[in-house]
Protein backbone atom coordinates (compact mmCIF):
# COMPACT_ATOMS: atom_id res chain seq x y z
CA UNK A 1 69.25 213.28 48.88
CA UNK A 2 69.21 211.80 52.69
CA UNK A 3 65.40 212.95 52.53
CA UNK A 4 64.41 211.51 48.82
CA UNK A 5 65.52 208.39 50.43
CA UNK A 6 63.76 208.63 53.73
CA UNK A 7 60.44 209.29 51.35
CA UNK A 8 61.68 206.12 49.33
CA UNK A 9 61.58 203.97 52.21
CA UNK A 10 58.17 205.10 54.45
CA UNK A 11 56.58 204.31 50.75
CA UNK A 12 58.02 201.22 50.77
CA UNK A 13 56.97 200.68 54.43
CA UNK A 14 53.78 201.83 53.56
CA UNK A 15 53.26 199.39 50.87
CA UNK A 16 54.50 196.64 52.76
CA UNK A 17 52.02 197.64 55.65
CA UNK A 18 49.09 197.62 53.40
CA UNK A 19 49.53 194.10 51.84
CA UNK A 20 50.37 192.83 55.17
CA UNK A 21 49.38 189.01 55.22
CA UNK A 22 47.21 187.43 58.28
CA UNK A 23 48.18 184.12 59.15
CA UNK A 24 46.14 181.75 61.49
CA UNK A 25 47.99 179.44 64.16
CA UNK A 26 45.92 176.55 65.35
CA UNK A 27 47.48 174.48 68.26
CA UNK A 28 45.72 173.49 71.84
CA UNK A 29 49.31 173.94 73.16
CA UNK A 30 49.59 177.53 74.24
CA UNK A 31 53.76 177.00 73.81
CA UNK A 32 53.14 176.27 70.84
CA UNK A 33 50.96 179.37 69.96
CA UNK A 34 53.49 181.72 71.25
CA UNK A 35 56.44 180.22 69.94
CA UNK A 36 54.85 180.11 66.34
CA UNK A 37 53.67 184.03 66.91
CA UNK A 38 57.26 184.99 67.64
CA UNK A 39 58.84 183.46 64.89
CA UNK A 40 56.19 184.67 62.33
CA UNK A 41 54.71 188.16 63.79
CA UNK A 42 57.76 190.68 62.52
CA UNK A 43 56.18 189.55 59.12
CA UNK A 44 52.40 188.63 59.49
CA UNK A 45 49.60 189.21 61.68
CA UNK A 46 48.82 186.60 63.74
CA UNK A 47 45.58 185.27 64.52
CA UNK A 48 44.90 182.56 67.22
CA UNK A 49 42.73 178.96 68.00
CA UNK A 50 42.74 176.12 70.12
CA UNK A 51 40.62 173.68 69.36
CA UNK A 52 39.35 172.58 65.81
CA UNK A 53 35.64 174.45 66.55
CA UNK A 54 37.40 177.66 66.81
CA UNK A 55 39.49 177.65 64.13
CA UNK A 56 36.55 176.82 61.84
CA UNK A 57 34.66 179.78 63.44
CA UNK A 58 37.56 182.25 62.66
CA UNK A 59 38.24 180.90 59.38
CA UNK A 60 34.34 181.13 58.05
CA UNK A 61 34.52 184.98 59.77
CA UNK A 62 37.71 185.78 58.47
CA UNK A 63 38.04 184.15 55.12
CA UNK A 64 38.64 187.27 53.54
CA UNK A 65 41.39 188.13 55.30
CA UNK A 66 43.23 184.85 55.67
CA UNK A 67 46.37 184.19 53.72
CA UNK A 68 47.39 180.75 55.21
CA UNK A 69 46.72 178.06 58.35
CA UNK A 70 48.97 176.52 60.38
CA UNK A 71 47.29 173.54 61.87
CA UNK A 72 47.50 170.85 64.71
CA UNK A 73 46.25 167.90 63.98
CA UNK A 74 45.77 166.25 67.16
CA UNK A 75 43.13 168.77 69.52
CA UNK A 76 40.04 168.45 71.61
CA UNK A 77 37.31 169.86 70.04
CA UNK A 78 37.56 168.58 66.11
CA UNK A 79 40.69 167.50 65.09
CA UNK A 80 42.81 168.93 62.38
CA UNK A 81 41.81 166.34 59.86
CA UNK A 82 38.28 167.61 60.36
CA UNK A 83 39.51 171.45 59.44
CA UNK A 84 40.89 170.04 56.12
CA UNK A 85 37.95 168.37 55.09
CA UNK A 86 35.78 171.59 56.17
CA UNK A 87 38.12 173.81 54.42
CA UNK A 88 38.64 171.22 51.11
CA UNK A 89 34.48 171.01 50.89
CA UNK A 90 33.63 174.78 51.07
CA UNK A 91 33.51 176.74 47.82
CA UNK A 92 34.37 179.55 50.00
CA UNK A 93 37.40 178.30 51.63
CA UNK A 94 39.26 175.88 49.39
CA UNK A 95 41.09 178.73 48.27
CA UNK A 96 42.67 179.21 51.73
CA UNK A 97 46.26 177.49 51.99
CA UNK A 98 46.86 175.20 55.10
CA UNK A 99 50.49 173.99 56.08
CA UNK A 100 49.78 171.00 58.43
CA UNK A 101 51.83 170.72 61.90
CA UNK A 102 52.67 167.88 63.81
CA UNK A 103 55.24 165.11 65.24
CA UNK A 104 53.59 162.71 63.39
CA UNK A 105 55.62 161.91 60.20
CA UNK A 106 53.21 158.93 59.41
CA UNK A 107 50.53 161.53 59.05
CA UNK A 108 51.98 163.24 55.86
CA UNK A 109 50.42 161.70 53.35
CA UNK A 110 46.61 161.52 54.36
CA UNK A 111 47.42 165.40 55.58
CA UNK A 112 48.37 166.06 51.71
CA UNK A 113 45.05 164.13 50.70
CA UNK A 114 42.92 165.89 52.53
CA UNK A 115 44.15 169.12 50.89
CA UNK A 116 47.01 170.57 52.68
CA UNK A 117 49.83 172.00 50.91
CA UNK A 118 52.63 171.31 52.72
CA UNK A 119 53.46 169.52 56.21
CA UNK A 120 56.12 170.85 59.09
CA UNK A 121 57.52 168.73 61.57
CA UNK A 122 57.46 169.27 65.36
CA UNK A 123 59.44 171.07 67.11
CA UNK A 124 59.73 174.56 65.59
CA UNK A 125 64.20 174.40 65.69
CA UNK A 126 64.71 175.68 62.22
CA UNK A 127 62.43 179.38 62.36
CA UNK A 128 64.09 180.52 58.91
CA UNK A 129 63.09 177.20 57.27
CA UNK A 130 59.51 177.86 58.39
CA UNK A 131 59.31 181.51 57.30
CA UNK A 132 60.70 180.38 54.04
CA UNK A 133 57.83 177.24 54.01
CA UNK A 134 55.32 179.97 54.82
CA UNK A 135 56.23 182.37 52.78
CA UNK A 136 56.40 180.19 49.86
CA UNK A 137 53.11 178.59 50.27
CA UNK A 138 51.27 182.13 50.37
CA UNK A 139 53.16 183.37 47.03
CA UNK A 140 51.99 179.91 45.40
CA UNK A 141 48.45 180.25 46.81
CA UNK A 142 48.66 183.83 45.24
CA UNK A 143 49.71 182.70 41.84
CA UNK A 144 47.21 180.53 41.81
CA UNK A 145 44.25 182.40 42.89
CA UNK A 146 45.11 184.80 39.94
CA UNK A 147 45.45 182.13 37.80
CA UNK A 148 41.49 180.73 38.54
CA UNK A 149 40.31 183.93 38.31
CA UNK A 150 41.90 184.93 34.87
CA UNK A 151 41.44 181.32 33.64
CA UNK A 152 37.63 181.24 34.45
CA UNK A 153 34.75 182.95 32.77
CA UNK A 154 33.33 185.15 34.52
CA UNK A 155 29.56 184.68 33.94
CA UNK A 156 29.33 180.87 33.84
CA UNK A 157 32.80 179.44 35.70
CA UNK A 158 33.81 177.26 32.80
CA UNK A 159 37.42 177.64 31.74
CA UNK A 160 38.42 180.24 29.00
CA UNK A 161 39.11 178.75 25.98
CA UNK A 162 42.88 179.64 26.27
CA UNK A 163 43.23 177.82 29.74
CA UNK A 164 40.87 175.13 28.60
CA UNK A 165 43.54 174.26 25.80
CA UNK A 166 46.32 174.34 28.16
CA UNK A 167 44.57 172.01 30.14
CA UNK A 168 43.68 169.61 27.01
CA UNK A 169 47.46 169.71 26.16
CA UNK A 170 48.28 168.87 29.64
CA UNK A 171 45.89 165.66 29.45
CA UNK A 172 46.82 164.72 26.11
CA UNK A 173 50.76 164.76 27.51
CA UNK A 174 49.97 162.66 30.43
CA UNK A 175 47.33 160.17 28.94
CA UNK A 176 48.64 159.33 25.28
CA UNK A 177 46.70 156.56 24.97
CA UNK A 178 43.17 157.60 26.72
CA UNK A 179 40.68 157.47 23.95
CA UNK A 180 39.43 161.54 23.66
CA UNK A 181 36.26 162.92 22.22
CA UNK A 182 35.97 166.67 21.08
CA UNK A 183 32.77 168.01 21.76
CA UNK A 184 31.25 170.97 20.69
CA UNK A 185 27.96 172.99 22.06
CA UNK A 186 25.94 175.65 20.52
CA UNK A 187 22.81 177.68 21.50
CA UNK A 188 20.92 178.03 18.03
CA UNK A 189 19.87 181.56 17.64
CA UNK A 190 21.42 183.01 20.73
CA UNK A 191 21.51 186.17 19.63
CA UNK A 192 17.31 186.31 18.64
CA UNK A 193 16.78 185.15 22.87
CA UNK A 194 18.87 188.16 23.62
CA UNK A 195 16.89 190.03 21.68
CA UNK A 196 13.28 189.17 22.01
CA UNK A 197 13.63 188.06 25.99
CA UNK A 198 16.43 190.60 27.47
CA UNK A 199 20.36 189.92 28.03
CA UNK A 200 18.86 188.62 31.39
CA UNK A 201 17.32 186.04 30.71
CA UNK A 202 20.12 184.98 27.74
CA UNK A 203 22.80 185.12 31.28
CA UNK A 204 20.33 182.51 32.74
CA UNK A 205 20.05 180.37 29.30
CA UNK A 206 24.17 180.32 29.08
CA UNK A 207 24.32 179.68 33.15
CA UNK A 208 22.00 177.12 32.56
CA UNK A 209 23.90 175.23 29.24
CA UNK A 210 27.19 175.74 31.45
CA UNK A 211 26.06 174.04 34.22
CA UNK A 212 24.83 171.27 32.29
CA UNK A 213 28.18 171.01 30.78
CA UNK A 214 30.23 171.22 34.02
CA UNK A 215 28.12 167.99 35.20
CA UNK A 216 29.31 165.81 32.39
CA UNK A 217 32.59 166.94 32.20
CA UNK A 218 33.41 166.35 35.89
CA UNK A 219 31.15 162.47 34.95
CA UNK A 220 33.32 161.76 32.39
CA UNK A 221 37.03 162.95 33.18
CA UNK A 222 37.20 166.14 31.24
CA UNK A 223 37.34 169.56 31.10
CA UNK A 224 34.94 172.03 29.58
CA UNK A 225 35.05 175.95 28.50
CA UNK A 226 32.98 178.82 27.25
CA UNK A 227 34.98 179.36 23.88
CA UNK A 228 32.78 182.26 23.17
CA UNK A 229 29.30 183.93 23.21
CA UNK A 230 27.12 180.63 22.41
CA UNK A 231 29.26 177.86 22.42
CA UNK A 232 31.02 175.94 24.29
CA UNK A 233 33.62 172.72 24.52
CA UNK A 234 34.22 169.77 26.15
CA UNK A 235 37.20 167.46 26.44
CA UNK A 236 36.23 164.38 27.67
CA UNK A 237 37.06 160.60 27.55
CA UNK A 238 35.53 158.75 24.37
CA UNK A 239 31.87 158.31 24.75
CA UNK A 240 30.08 155.63 23.04
CA UNK A 241 26.59 158.09 22.65
CA UNK A 242 25.80 161.66 23.36
CA UNK A 243 21.92 160.96 24.93
CA UNK A 244 22.92 161.54 28.03
CA UNK A 245 25.02 164.59 26.88
CA UNK A 246 21.07 166.09 24.86
CA UNK A 247 19.31 164.99 27.82
CA UNK A 248 21.60 166.54 30.77
CA UNK A 249 21.25 169.85 28.29
CA UNK A 250 17.41 169.57 27.81
CA UNK A 251 16.81 169.06 31.32
CA UNK A 252 18.89 172.62 32.49
CA UNK A 253 16.63 174.31 30.35
CA UNK A 254 13.77 173.13 30.86
CA UNK A 255 13.99 174.39 34.53
CA UNK A 256 14.43 177.94 33.07
CA UNK A 257 13.02 178.01 29.58
CA UNK A 258 9.46 177.94 30.30
CA UNK A 259 7.18 178.33 27.06
CA UNK A 260 10.67 180.04 25.14
CA UNK A 261 11.55 177.53 22.44
CA UNK A 262 15.25 176.94 22.94
CA UNK A 263 17.31 174.56 21.33
CA UNK A 264 21.12 173.48 21.08
CA UNK A 265 23.62 171.57 18.68
CA UNK A 266 26.07 168.77 19.48
CA UNK A 267 29.00 168.48 17.34
CA UNK A 268 31.45 165.27 18.42
CA UNK A 269 34.62 164.31 16.35
CA UNK A 270 36.22 161.48 18.07
CA UNK A 271 39.60 160.80 17.67
CA UNK A 272 40.65 157.27 19.16
CA UNK A 273 44.17 157.75 18.12
CA UNK A 274 45.48 161.29 18.51
CA UNK A 275 45.60 161.46 14.86
CA UNK A 276 44.86 164.99 14.65
CA UNK A 277 45.85 167.92 16.37
CA UNK A 278 44.07 169.49 19.61
CA UNK A 279 42.86 173.03 17.26
CA UNK A 280 41.98 170.33 14.65
CA UNK A 281 39.80 168.04 16.53
CA UNK A 282 37.74 171.54 17.83
CA UNK A 283 37.68 172.66 14.43
CA UNK A 284 35.79 169.16 13.30
CA UNK A 285 33.87 169.00 16.00
CA UNK A 286 32.25 172.09 15.10
CA UNK A 287 32.00 171.29 11.46
CA UNK A 288 30.11 168.58 12.81
CA UNK A 289 27.64 170.64 15.16
CA UNK A 290 27.63 173.14 11.95
CA UNK A 291 26.31 170.79 9.82
CA UNK A 292 22.49 170.43 12.16
CA UNK A 293 20.27 173.06 11.06
CA UNK A 294 20.04 176.17 13.24
CA UNK A 295 16.71 175.85 12.12
CA UNK A 296 15.63 172.62 13.49
CA UNK A 297 13.33 172.34 16.49
CA UNK A 298 14.77 169.76 18.27
CA UNK A 299 18.04 169.37 20.11
CA UNK A 300 20.28 167.64 17.88
CA UNK A 301 23.76 165.70 18.00
CA UNK A 302 25.87 165.08 14.64
CA UNK A 303 29.29 162.84 14.97
CA UNK A 304 32.21 163.84 12.61
CA UNK A 305 32.80 161.11 9.97
CA UNK A 306 34.37 160.00 7.08
CA UNK A 307 31.68 162.23 4.63
CA UNK A 308 32.58 165.37 6.46
CA UNK A 309 36.16 164.45 6.10
CA UNK A 310 35.65 164.45 1.96
CA UNK A 311 33.39 167.29 2.31
CA UNK A 312 36.67 169.25 4.46
CA UNK A 313 39.09 168.11 2.07
CA UNK A 314 37.04 169.72 -1.04
CA UNK A 315 36.32 172.72 1.18
CA UNK A 316 40.23 173.26 1.85
CA UNK A 317 40.64 172.85 -1.97
CA UNK A 318 37.95 175.41 -2.62
CA UNK A 319 39.54 177.87 -0.25
CA UNK A 320 43.23 177.26 -1.41
CA UNK A 321 42.14 177.53 -4.96
CA UNK A 322 40.21 180.75 -5.07
CA UNK A 323 42.95 183.40 -6.04
CA UNK A 324 44.06 181.27 -8.93
CA UNK A 325 40.45 181.29 -10.07
CA UNK A 326 40.15 184.70 -10.06
CA UNK A 327 43.59 185.52 -11.78
CA UNK A 328 42.54 182.80 -14.76
CA UNK A 329 38.81 184.31 -14.62
CA UNK A 330 37.05 180.83 -13.74
CA UNK A 331 34.23 183.00 -12.18
CA UNK A 332 31.90 184.84 -14.58
CA UNK A 333 28.85 186.32 -14.02
CA UNK A 334 25.11 185.79 -15.05
CA UNK A 335 21.78 187.72 -14.82
CA UNK A 336 18.31 186.74 -13.92
CA UNK A 337 15.77 189.04 -15.24
CA UNK A 338 13.13 190.65 -12.49
CA UNK A 339 9.56 191.92 -13.64
CA UNK A 340 7.25 194.62 -12.27
CA UNK A 341 4.11 192.83 -12.31
CA UNK A 342 1.93 195.93 -10.83
CA UNK A 343 0.46 196.99 -14.24
CA UNK A 344 -0.97 194.98 -16.63
CA UNK A 345 1.89 193.16 -18.54
CA UNK A 346 4.91 192.31 -16.53
CA UNK A 347 7.71 194.75 -17.59
CA UNK A 348 11.46 193.99 -17.12
CA UNK A 349 12.51 195.91 -14.15
CA UNK A 350 16.01 195.09 -13.40
CA UNK A 351 18.22 191.75 -12.76
CA UNK A 352 19.75 190.41 -9.53
CA UNK A 353 23.67 189.54 -10.61
CA UNK A 354 24.50 185.86 -9.69
CA UNK A 355 28.13 184.44 -9.99
CA UNK A 356 29.00 180.85 -11.74
CA UNK A 357 32.50 178.90 -11.07
CA UNK A 358 33.96 176.63 -13.49
CA UNK A 359 36.39 174.94 -11.73
CA UNK A 360 39.29 173.39 -14.11
CA UNK A 361 39.34 169.97 -12.25
CA UNK A 362 36.03 170.17 -10.01
CA UNK A 363 33.88 171.27 -13.08
CA UNK A 364 30.64 173.60 -12.12
CA UNK A 365 30.61 174.23 -8.41
CA UNK A 366 26.73 175.01 -6.76
CA UNK A 367 26.95 178.86 -5.82
CA UNK A 368 25.10 177.65 -2.52
CA UNK A 369 27.95 176.01 -1.71
CA UNK A 370 30.77 178.01 -2.70
CA UNK A 371 29.81 181.49 -1.45
CA UNK A 372 28.76 180.24 2.79
CA UNK A 373 32.22 178.73 2.28
CA UNK A 374 33.74 182.01 1.47
CA UNK A 375 31.77 184.14 3.22
CA UNK A 376 32.42 181.86 6.43
CA UNK A 377 36.13 182.19 5.76
CA UNK A 378 36.30 186.30 4.84
CA UNK A 379 37.36 185.35 1.38
CA UNK A 380 34.26 186.15 -0.22
CA UNK A 381 35.36 189.72 -0.20
CA UNK A 382 37.62 189.79 -3.38
CA UNK A 383 34.91 187.46 -5.16
CA UNK A 384 32.22 190.24 -4.01
CA UNK A 385 34.61 192.77 -5.76
CA UNK A 386 34.92 190.86 -8.88
CA UNK A 387 31.43 190.60 -8.89
CA UNK A 388 30.74 193.79 -8.92
CA UNK A 389 33.24 195.28 -11.20
CA UNK A 390 31.89 192.57 -14.19
CA UNK A 391 28.05 194.05 -13.27
CA UNK A 392 28.85 197.70 -13.79
CA UNK A 393 31.25 196.74 -16.72
CA UNK A 394 28.03 194.68 -18.49
CA UNK A 395 25.12 197.81 -16.88
CA UNK A 396 27.68 200.33 -19.24
CA UNK A 397 27.72 198.39 -22.24
CA UNK A 398 24.00 197.86 -22.17
CA UNK A 399 23.39 201.53 -22.17
CA UNK A 400 26.27 201.86 -25.02
CA UNK A 401 24.65 199.51 -26.85
CA UNK A 402 20.82 199.69 -26.63
CA UNK A 403 20.64 203.37 -25.22
CA UNK A 404 18.95 202.27 -21.58
CA UNK A 405 20.77 202.14 -18.28
CA UNK A 406 19.26 199.10 -16.29
CA UNK A 407 19.99 198.84 -12.80
CA UNK A 408 21.11 195.48 -11.58
CA UNK A 409 21.34 194.42 -7.83
CA UNK A 410 24.39 192.88 -6.74
CA UNK A 411 25.12 190.89 -2.92
CA UNK A 412 26.92 192.70 -0.26
CA UNK A 413 28.04 190.15 2.63
CA UNK A 414 29.09 190.50 6.07
CA UNK A 415 32.63 190.72 5.17
CA UNK A 416 31.86 193.54 3.12
CA UNK A 417 29.71 195.40 5.66
CA UNK A 418 32.78 195.65 8.37
CA UNK A 419 35.04 197.14 5.27
CA UNK A 420 35.65 200.89 6.08
CA UNK A 421 36.67 201.50 1.99
CA UNK A 422 33.26 199.67 1.02
CA UNK A 423 31.66 203.00 -0.06
CA UNK A 424 34.67 204.17 -1.78
CA UNK A 425 35.05 201.02 -3.33
CA UNK A 426 31.54 201.56 -4.75
CA UNK A 427 31.82 204.74 -5.74
CA UNK A 428 34.80 204.04 -7.50
CA UNK A 429 33.53 201.61 -9.74
CA UNK A 430 30.43 203.39 -10.66
CA UNK A 431 32.63 206.54 -11.63
CA UNK A 432 34.87 203.96 -13.84
CA UNK A 433 31.82 203.28 -15.74
CA UNK A 434 30.29 206.56 -16.05
CA UNK A 435 27.24 205.41 -13.72
CA UNK A 436 25.48 206.50 -10.79
CA UNK A 437 24.84 205.25 -7.45
CA UNK A 438 20.89 204.13 -8.16
CA UNK A 439 22.05 202.28 -11.12
CA UNK A 440 23.08 199.02 -8.70
CA UNK A 441 21.20 198.10 -5.91
CA UNK A 442 22.94 196.43 -2.87
CA UNK A 443 21.72 193.14 -1.54
CA UNK A 444 21.79 192.69 1.76
CA UNK A 445 20.66 189.47 3.74
CA UNK A 446 17.84 189.79 7.15
CA UNK A 447 20.45 187.82 8.60
CA UNK A 448 23.06 190.77 8.44
CA UNK A 449 21.04 192.87 10.24
CA UNK A 450 19.90 191.02 12.92
CA UNK A 451 23.83 189.62 13.77
CA UNK A 452 25.11 193.31 14.18
CA UNK A 453 22.25 195.61 14.16
CA UNK A 454 24.07 198.58 15.04
CA UNK A 455 26.70 198.37 13.02
CA UNK A 456 24.73 197.34 9.86
CA UNK A 457 22.27 200.49 10.51
CA UNK A 458 25.35 203.13 10.19
CA UNK A 459 27.04 201.35 7.22
CA UNK A 460 23.37 201.07 5.36
CA UNK A 461 22.68 204.66 5.78
CA UNK A 462 25.78 205.79 4.35
CA UNK A 463 25.40 203.99 1.76
CA UNK A 464 21.79 205.26 1.02
CA UNK A 465 23.02 208.87 1.69
CA UNK A 466 25.12 207.84 -1.10
CA UNK A 467 22.06 207.29 -2.97
CA UNK A 468 22.62 203.58 -3.12
CA UNK A 469 19.20 201.50 -2.76
CA UNK A 470 19.11 198.90 -0.46
CA UNK A 471 16.70 195.69 -0.29
CA UNK A 472 16.83 193.32 2.81
CA UNK A 473 17.23 189.58 0.59
CA UNK A 474 16.24 186.63 2.14
CA UNK A 475 13.28 188.33 4.46
CA UNK A 476 11.78 185.83 6.77
CA UNK A 477 14.88 183.45 6.86
CA UNK A 478 16.20 186.15 10.13
CA UNK A 479 13.44 186.33 12.40
CA UNK A 480 13.77 189.73 12.95
CA UNK A 481 11.23 191.32 15.17
CA UNK A 482 8.92 193.85 13.64
CA UNK A 483 9.66 196.33 16.17
CA UNK A 484 13.22 196.46 15.09
CA UNK A 485 12.16 196.46 11.13
CA UNK A 486 10.43 199.66 11.47
CA UNK A 487 14.09 201.27 12.56
CA UNK A 488 15.80 199.22 9.73
CA UNK A 489 17.18 201.26 6.90
CA UNK A 490 16.06 199.58 3.29
CA UNK A 491 14.45 200.17 0.11
CA UNK A 492 12.89 197.08 -0.94
CA UNK A 493 12.13 193.64 0.70
CA UNK A 494 12.74 190.28 -0.95
CA UNK A 495 11.05 187.55 0.34
CA UNK A 496 12.90 184.00 1.17
CA UNK A 497 12.05 181.62 -1.70
CA UNK A 498 10.92 179.26 1.17
CA UNK A 499 8.10 180.74 1.57
CA UNK A 500 6.88 180.66 -2.13
CA UNK A 501 7.68 176.83 -2.92
CA UNK A 502 4.38 175.64 -0.45
CA UNK A 503 2.19 178.57 -1.68
CA UNK A 504 -1.46 177.72 -3.02
CA UNK A 505 -4.81 179.29 -2.02
CA UNK A 506 -5.84 179.75 1.26
CA UNK A 507 -3.19 177.71 2.83
CA UNK A 508 -0.72 179.26 5.61
CA UNK A 509 2.29 179.88 2.90
CA UNK A 510 0.00 182.62 1.38
CA UNK A 511 -1.11 184.03 4.19
CA UNK A 512 2.36 184.43 5.47
CA UNK A 513 2.97 185.77 2.04
CA UNK A 514 -0.01 188.61 2.21
CA UNK A 515 1.16 189.16 5.29
CA UNK A 516 4.37 190.16 4.45
CA UNK A 517 3.33 192.27 1.83
CA UNK A 518 1.10 194.61 4.51
CA UNK A 519 4.42 194.62 6.43
CA UNK A 520 6.08 195.92 2.95
CA UNK A 521 3.27 198.29 2.55
CA UNK A 522 3.52 199.74 5.87
CA UNK A 523 6.73 200.55 5.27
CA UNK A 524 6.04 201.64 1.70
CA UNK A 525 8.58 199.75 -0.17
CA UNK A 526 7.97 197.36 -2.77
CA UNK A 527 8.01 193.61 -2.42
CA UNK A 528 10.39 191.42 -4.11
CA UNK A 529 9.75 187.84 -4.71
CA UNK A 530 12.23 185.24 -5.59
CA UNK A 531 12.51 181.42 -6.84
CA UNK A 532 9.07 181.64 -8.59
CA UNK A 533 8.84 179.02 -10.86
CA UNK A 534 5.19 178.46 -11.93
CA UNK A 535 2.09 179.98 -13.04
CA UNK A 536 0.43 178.90 -10.14
CA UNK A 537 2.65 180.83 -7.76
CA UNK A 538 2.59 184.08 -10.20
CA UNK A 539 -0.93 184.53 -10.25
CA UNK A 540 -1.13 183.98 -6.56
CA UNK A 541 1.50 186.32 -5.30
CA UNK A 542 -0.20 188.94 -8.15
CA UNK A 543 -3.00 188.40 -6.38
CA UNK A 544 -1.14 188.67 -2.76
CA UNK A 545 -0.12 192.09 -3.98
CA UNK A 546 3.66 191.51 -4.67
CA UNK A 547 5.77 194.33 -6.82
CA UNK A 548 8.35 192.45 -8.42
CA UNK A 549 9.12 188.69 -9.17
CA UNK A 550 12.11 186.90 -10.61
CA UNK A 551 12.70 183.33 -10.91
CA UNK A 552 12.37 180.43 -13.86
CA UNK A 553 8.81 181.14 -14.39
CA UNK A 554 9.87 184.09 -16.53
CA UNK A 555 13.57 183.17 -17.31
CA UNK A 556 16.88 181.51 -15.55
CA UNK A 557 19.68 182.83 -14.85
CA UNK A 558 21.17 184.29 -18.13
CA UNK A 559 24.12 185.74 -20.09
CA UNK A 560 24.92 189.43 -20.57
CA UNK A 561 24.43 188.81 -24.50
CA UNK A 562 21.29 187.24 -23.70
CA UNK A 563 19.90 189.89 -21.31
CA UNK A 564 20.88 192.55 -23.73
CA UNK A 565 18.51 191.14 -26.03
CA UNK A 566 15.83 191.11 -23.19
CA UNK A 567 16.50 194.85 -22.76
CA UNK A 568 16.05 195.48 -26.69
CA UNK A 569 12.79 192.93 -26.85
CA UNK A 570 11.29 195.20 -23.62
CA UNK A 571 11.24 198.27 -25.37
CA UNK A 572 12.52 200.71 -22.73
């Protein structure tokens, strides 16, 4: 037992020795140096300096090892105030705590103002008090440094999101009457910057934006953080306009962007009366930021207003009603026919399954409004599963009625892709209806591919291995690089309708369509065009080599029974 005790003591002693702190004592009186050294030497390693200049030399050369400076104020060769100012003004030195030692009691306030963390009077007639205050000063400094290290984003040096909100809450507590703005800054299509120009350049962009944001936050009496990869928050005194922020950030980007097309969006929520809680203010600033299109070629600022507030309430109503809507069959599916135009006469090829919502209070809700809303909030999963089940039922019903299995395509959202039960769920739906995987095509947007390439590729490969056909939807909207496109697993390209609206003989739009036709040929997959509304568009697309077409030129989305009649008339 005695040996065990000795071993324990030895280990504790070694631990204490390994973490023994070093203190610099600065005084022009040798007797004071000796007194302080004798008081502290049992617990600390002591370094000495007799002038301000000598003290700064030691501090700068030993900054990584010093835990505390005990500083006399009145010395030859640079007084203590000079040393305090030098430490306070240096990023490398300002973390070193300083206790001022002097017989001049009137200097206490000035010493603290210049950066000292404590003040002790000479003479040192109470050694235990001195040691206790030295020990406490070092402990507080260590705690502060740890907090600052964990509270700062490693790349940009801005606060992390958690510490940012802590600071903002404290600011509200002590400035209840101050008018404040919540500001969100987002870099447009940042994932493409990383992909096209490399992560190193992407980091330079982030740091440049962060420098501008830091400058604005300091100038406007506030704080800032990096909330996530490409999004920044500011909490600052209310500003009448934000042209200065836009200019500050644009100037920072000019220095590094060269010929690269980099843009940002800014959303502002001015809460002049603290009417909303802190998180809600930033949610609204983010809503304002998201109201600026990611595809704009300008650096834009949007201010949250009454229209956005009404939209927020409307969205909250829809989000709260989705479960009830599913239970009460407020949703129904319709089918937009697709026609193969490769031969002489267009032939019925398949259908895209679309969803409609008739709300009992709000009437018909546009899909291009509620679907992105449900995707953003993760509630799209239940709606998608409803659509898939309904689609499979109708495909089976058509087969029973007409003796033909007409494949349909359904949308698969990013939320679905990250669901580990996706494949199992799809296979069960098909099995329940006596269908095969080739009877249901899966549409995944190009932006989903470009947002999470590795995950998407793995999931899509597993779906294709199970026999599903996968179509890349909205091709041309996500700006995937051609190099990346060659490695993505797809069975069809579906052209974004934005390319079709303006097509005409010999214009840029039709040239782009012809280029994409060649891409599809290279990949050996069919090209599907949606949103075709008139004969001119149809003939141009057919001439360009497009394979399959859907749109109002052939048919609007129709009910299951109407689509059944199309199957019957097609003679399939």
